[in-house]
Structures are given as C-alpha cells and as structure tokens.
C-alpha cells in the first residue's frame, strides 16, 4: 500500500510540475518528471496502472516497469493486489514495443476482471486511446535514450514479477 501511495504522489507531482513535458490523452496521463524519464498512468473503477521508466535503477531486468493495483471483487474479503512487473519491450520500433506493452496490459486487465462483475464498457473505457498514450510515452523514452534497448539489454532481460497483497479498509 505504501508503494502505491508513493507512485500516486509521484504521478501527481508529475502532473503538477510545470516543467513536465505532458500531453493529456483523455483518460491516460502521459509525461516526464525529474524522477521519471516517462510515464503513462490510468486509474479507473478501482484499477490503477502506471507504466514508466524511473531514473533510479531498479532490480528488474527491463527499465520499463508496470505498477498495478486492483481491488478484489470479493466484498466479503476485500484484498487489494499490488504488482510491479518488468515489461520486456525490446522491439526495434515504437510499434513493436507498443504490441508488447499492450499484450502485457491486456493480460493484466483480463486477470483483474476475471470472475468479477464489471461495467460492460469498462474494457473500452480502460483502453481508450491507449495506443496514442503509449506512443507518446515511447517518444519521450526514445528522446531520453532509453529506447530502443541495446542488444545486450534485450538478450539479458527476462520478465520479472513481484506481487504483494495489502488488505483494504
């Protein structure tokens, strides 16, 4: 829970920083910040996703990380699942990296809503302008020299996953 708060505050600071390079793409926030090379963030109906590259090195094999939080749909035992995953976006082009990132986010979405009653339009609202938001983020990361990954980085990376569960009040 503490990590989610830190990410949330960092993203809020990202949106409030006047020097941030930002582009509002409907429901997705895209930008950079002194602590992040680039980020895209979405928070909708209890699902939080942040895809970003932090300027501080991480323990993960890829610089592109996905931070997610999703509340349980079991109201008898409301448990929140928090996860940090490395996304191995090692494509040579922005569209190749988009395909990989979208696949990972689609898998997260599918796992998050499995067995839950959700609004019929949740998926379309969640992914609305996703491609535009990722391509804007990718452009920021190319400009920062993050993408494309070098062959050495791409060959040594393996998808990592670290999950913790926090009870909600």
Protein backbone atom coordinates (compact mmCIF):
# COMPACT_ATOMS: atom_id res chain seq x y z
CA UNK A 1 0.00 0.00 0.00
CA UNK A 2 2.86 2.36 0.81
CA UNK A 3 4.43 1.85 -2.60
CA UNK A 4 1.11 2.70 -4.29
CA UNK A 5 0.94 5.91 -2.31
CA UNK A 6 4.48 6.80 -3.36
CA UNK A 7 3.74 6.09 -7.03
CA UNK A 8 0.47 8.03 -6.80
CA UNK A 9 2.18 11.02 -5.19
CA UNK A 10 4.96 10.86 -7.76
CA UNK A 11 2.45 10.83 -10.59
CA UNK A 12 0.51 13.71 -9.02
CA UNK A 13 3.77 15.63 -8.72
CA UNK A 14 4.42 14.78 -12.37
CA UNK A 15 1.13 16.35 -13.37
CA UNK A 16 1.65 19.41 -11.16
CA UNK A 17 5.24 20.12 -12.20
CA UNK A 18 5.21 23.00 -14.69
CA UNK A 19 8.44 21.79 -16.32
CA UNK A 20 6.96 18.38 -17.07
CA UNK A 21 6.51 17.50 -20.70
CA UNK A 22 2.87 16.47 -20.70
CA UNK A 23 0.14 15.57 -23.10
CA UNK A 24 -3.33 14.85 -21.79
CA UNK A 25 -4.74 11.95 -23.79
CA UNK A 26 -8.28 11.72 -22.45
CA UNK A 27 -8.10 9.29 -19.55
CA UNK A 28 -4.40 8.44 -19.79
CA UNK A 29 -1.86 10.86 -18.36
CA UNK A 30 1.46 10.96 -20.22
CA UNK A 31 4.54 12.89 -19.17
CA UNK A 32 8.02 13.07 -17.69
CA UNK A 33 9.27 14.25 -14.32
CA UNK A 34 12.62 14.73 -12.56
CA UNK A 35 12.24 11.19 -11.09
CA UNK A 36 10.86 9.51 -14.24
CA UNK A 37 12.09 9.54 -17.82
CA UNK A 38 8.49 8.99 -18.92
CA UNK A 39 5.22 7.61 -17.59
CA UNK A 40 1.67 6.85 -18.60
CA UNK A 41 -0.97 6.45 -15.90
CA UNK A 42 -4.57 5.25 -15.79
CA UNK A 43 -6.89 4.99 -12.78
CA UNK A 44 -10.41 3.75 -13.48
CA UNK A 45 -13.04 1.84 -11.49
CA UNK A 46 -10.57 0.58 -8.88
CA UNK A 47 -7.85 -0.36 -11.39
CA UNK A 48 -4.60 1.62 -11.30
CA UNK A 49 -1.87 1.20 -13.92
CA UNK A 50 1.37 3.16 -14.24
CA UNK A 51 3.85 2.29 -16.99
CA UNK A 52 7.09 4.16 -16.50
CA UNK A 53 10.88 4.28 -16.57
CA UNK A 54 12.34 5.62 -13.34
CA UNK A 55 15.65 7.46 -13.42
CA UNK A 56 16.89 5.41 -10.46
CA UNK A 57 18.00 1.88 -11.41
CA UNK A 58 15.58 -0.89 -10.48
CA UNK A 59 16.09 -4.52 -9.55
CA UNK A 60 14.18 -5.60 -12.64
CA UNK A 61 15.70 -6.76 -15.92
CA UNK A 62 14.00 -4.08 -18.02
CA UNK A 63 13.89 -0.34 -17.44
CA UNK A 64 10.18 -0.27 -18.41
CA UNK A 65 8.06 -1.12 -15.38
CA UNK A 66 4.34 -1.57 -14.88
CA UNK A 67 2.91 -0.78 -11.46
CA UNK A 68 -0.63 -2.06 -10.92
CA UNK A 69 -3.18 -2.08 -8.14
CA UNK A 70 -6.55 -3.77 -8.38
CA UNK A 71 -9.12 -4.24 -5.68
CA UNK A 72 -10.69 -7.63 -5.11
CA UNK A 73 -14.27 -8.00 -6.27
CA UNK A 74 -14.93 -10.23 -3.23
CA UNK A 75 -16.65 -7.82 -0.86
CA UNK A 76 -16.53 -10.40 1.96
CA UNK A 77 -12.72 -10.27 1.90
CA UNK A 78 -11.62 -7.03 0.22
CA UNK A 79 -7.97 -7.64 -0.65
CA UNK A 80 -6.04 -5.33 -2.91
CA UNK A 81 -3.41 -6.84 -5.22
CA UNK A 82 -0.35 -4.70 -5.91
CA UNK A 83 2.18 -5.78 -8.50
CA UNK A 84 5.33 -4.46 -10.11
CA UNK A 85 6.30 -6.07 -13.40
CA UNK A 86 9.10 -5.51 -15.86
CA UNK A 87 7.92 -5.23 -19.45
CA UNK A 88 10.42 -6.59 -21.93
CA UNK A 89 9.75 -4.01 -24.64
CA UNK A 90 12.79 -4.87 -26.72
CA UNK A 91 11.35 -4.17 -30.17
CA UNK A 92 13.37 -2.07 -32.57
CA UNK A 93 10.41 0.18 -33.44
CA UNK A 94 7.78 2.00 -31.41
CA UNK A 95 5.01 -0.14 -32.93
CA UNK A 96 6.83 -3.36 -31.95
CA UNK A 97 7.21 -2.06 -28.39
CA UNK A 98 3.55 -0.97 -28.39
CA UNK A 99 2.48 -4.52 -29.31
CA UNK A 100 4.43 -5.97 -26.37
CA UNK A 101 3.25 -3.37 -23.85
CA UNK A 102 -0.36 -3.70 -24.98
CA UNK A 103 -0.18 -7.51 -24.66
CA UNK A 104 1.09 -7.20 -21.07
CA UNK A 105 -1.56 -4.61 -20.13
CA UNK A 106 -4.32 -6.69 -21.78
CA UNK A 107 -3.21 -9.72 -19.72
CA UNK A 108 -3.32 -7.58 -16.55
CA UNK A 109 -6.80 -6.34 -17.42
CA UNK A 110 -8.10 -9.86 -18.17
CA UNK A 111 -6.69 -11.24 -14.88
CA UNK A 112 -8.07 -8.27 -12.94
CA UNK A 113 -11.67 -8.64 -14.08
CA UNK A 114 -11.79 -12.44 -14.15
CA UNK A 115 -14.74 -13.59 -12.06
CA UNK A 116 -15.82 -10.00 -11.29
CA UNK A 117 -18.93 -8.14 -12.33
CA UNK A 118 -17.76 -5.08 -14.21
CA UNK A 119 -19.45 -2.48 -16.38
CA UNK A 120 -19.96 -3.63 -19.97
CA UNK A 121 -17.92 -0.73 -21.28
CA UNK A 122 -15.02 -0.97 -18.79
CA UNK A 123 -12.59 -2.53 -21.27
CA UNK A 124 -13.29 0.03 -23.99
CA UNK A 125 -13.02 2.89 -21.45
CA UNK A 126 -9.82 1.45 -19.98
CA UNK A 127 -8.08 1.08 -23.35
CA UNK A 128 -9.48 4.25 -24.89
CA UNK A 129 -6.53 5.99 -26.63
CA UNK A 130 -4.08 3.52 -25.06
CA UNK A 131 -2.04 3.26 -28.27
CA UNK A 132 -1.74 7.06 -28.55
CA UNK A 133 -0.68 7.32 -24.90
CA UNK A 134 1.95 4.58 -25.26
CA UNK A 135 3.37 6.05 -28.47
CA UNK A 136 3.67 9.47 -26.78
CA UNK A 137 5.43 7.82 -23.81
CA UNK A 138 7.68 5.85 -26.17
CA UNK A 139 8.66 9.11 -27.88
CA UNK A 140 9.70 10.56 -24.52
CA UNK A 141 11.74 7.41 -23.80
CA UNK A 142 13.42 7.48 -27.22
CA UNK A 143 14.34 11.13 -26.66
CA UNK A 144 15.78 10.20 -23.23
CA UNK A 145 17.93 7.48 -24.87
CA UNK A 146 16.07 4.59 -23.16
CA UNK A 147 14.60 3.02 -26.31
CA UNK A 148 15.42 1.14 -28.35
CA UNK A 149 17.16 -1.15 -25.89
CA UNK A 150 20.65 -2.26 -26.84
CA UNK A 151 21.04 -5.88 -27.97
CA UNK A 152 22.86 -6.65 -24.70
CA UNK A 153 19.95 -5.34 -22.59
CA UNK A 154 17.38 -7.20 -24.68
CA UNK A 155 19.29 -10.52 -24.51
CA UNK A 156 19.81 -10.47 -20.72
CA UNK A 157 16.28 -9.43 -19.77
CA UNK A 158 13.60 -11.81 -18.55
CA UNK A 159 10.10 -10.78 -17.49
CA UNK A 160 10.04 -10.27 -13.73
CA UNK A 161 7.09 -10.12 -11.40
CA UNK A 162 6.84 -9.14 -7.75
CA UNK A 163 3.46 -9.16 -6.09
CA UNK A 164 2.27 -8.17 -2.64
CA UNK A 165 -1.18 -8.19 -1.18
CA UNK A 166 -2.49 -5.40 1.01
CA UNK A 167 -5.80 -5.52 2.85
CA UNK A 168 -8.10 -2.61 2.22
CA UNK A 169 -10.08 -0.89 4.93
